[in-house]
Protein backbone atom coordinates (compact mmCIF):
# COMPACT_ATOMS: atom_id res chain seq x y z
CA UNK A 1 136.74 251.04 162.15
CA UNK A 2 133.01 252.42 161.23
CA UNK A 3 130.71 249.07 161.39
CA UNK A 4 127.48 250.90 161.10
CA UNK A 5 125.84 253.61 159.74
CA UNK A 6 124.68 255.39 162.96
CA UNK A 7 128.73 255.59 164.05
CA UNK A 8 129.24 256.45 160.68
CA UNK A 9 126.77 259.05 161.06
CA UNK A 10 128.07 260.13 164.32
CA UNK A 11 131.65 259.76 163.22
CA UNK A 12 131.09 262.95 160.84
CA UNK A 13 128.91 265.07 162.85
CA UNK A 14 132.18 264.31 164.85
CA UNK A 15 134.99 265.47 162.61
CA UNK A 16 132.54 268.26 161.30
CA UNK A 17 131.82 269.74 165.62
CA UNK A 18 135.74 269.14 165.99
CA UNK A 19 135.96 271.66 162.56
CA UNK A 20 133.58 274.22 164.13
CA UNK A 21 131.26 273.01 161.45
CA UNK A 22 127.65 271.71 161.10
CA UNK A 23 125.80 269.85 157.83
CA UNK A 24 124.61 272.99 156.82
CA UNK A 25 128.01 274.94 156.22
CA UNK A 26 129.25 271.91 154.93
CA UNK A 27 126.67 270.76 152.26
CA UNK A 28 127.42 275.17 151.27
CA UNK A 29 130.92 274.17 150.92
CA UNK A 30 129.82 270.93 148.53
CA UNK A 31 127.56 273.04 146.62
CA UNK A 32 124.86 270.79 147.61
CA UNK A 33 121.31 270.91 149.98
CA UNK A 34 121.74 269.96 153.38
CA UNK A 35 118.20 267.90 153.24
CA UNK A 36 120.80 265.25 150.72
CA UNK A 37 123.81 265.78 152.85
CA UNK A 38 122.01 265.34 155.71
CA UNK A 39 120.31 261.77 153.93
CA UNK A 40 123.51 260.68 152.24
CA UNK A 41 125.24 260.75 155.71
CA UNK A 42 122.28 259.37 157.46
CA UNK A 43 121.74 256.42 155.27
CA UNK A 44 125.31 256.31 154.88
CA UNK A 45 126.21 256.52 150.92
CA UNK A 46 128.33 258.76 150.52
CA UNK A 47 130.51 257.67 147.85
CA UNK A 48 133.87 257.33 147.78
CA UNK A 49 134.78 260.30 145.80
CA UNK A 50 132.42 262.24 148.15
CA UNK A 51 133.82 261.62 151.34
CA UNK A 52 137.13 261.90 149.79
CA UNK A 53 136.13 265.83 148.95
CA UNK A 54 134.89 265.76 152.81
CA UNK A 55 138.04 264.68 154.48
CA UNK A 56 139.74 266.92 152.28
CA UNK A 57 137.63 269.87 152.74
CA UNK A 58 138.22 269.32 156.89
CA UNK A 59 141.69 268.87 156.56
CA UNK A 60 142.09 265.26 156.59
CA UNK A 61 143.97 262.47 154.21
CA UNK A 62 142.00 259.26 153.51
CA UNK A 63 144.81 256.58 153.90
CA UNK A 64 144.72 252.72 153.21
CA UNK A 65 147.00 250.48 154.99
CA UNK A 66 146.78 246.77 154.45
CA UNK A 67 146.33 244.96 157.43
CA UNK A 68 148.45 242.25 158.53
């Protein structure tokens, strides 16, 4: 589980690296600027729709699992 903004930033950057991408390329795929996307990732302000779109572009599914 991601617990803070720094972990979130490293998580996203790690997933990009695993897929041979960087923030600039992802920003291009999302139709936004690299500066805007970097800022959103750094401060942890991506909304769920954006995050879901990023996951889809990278070939991931976001799944909600009920805790026991």
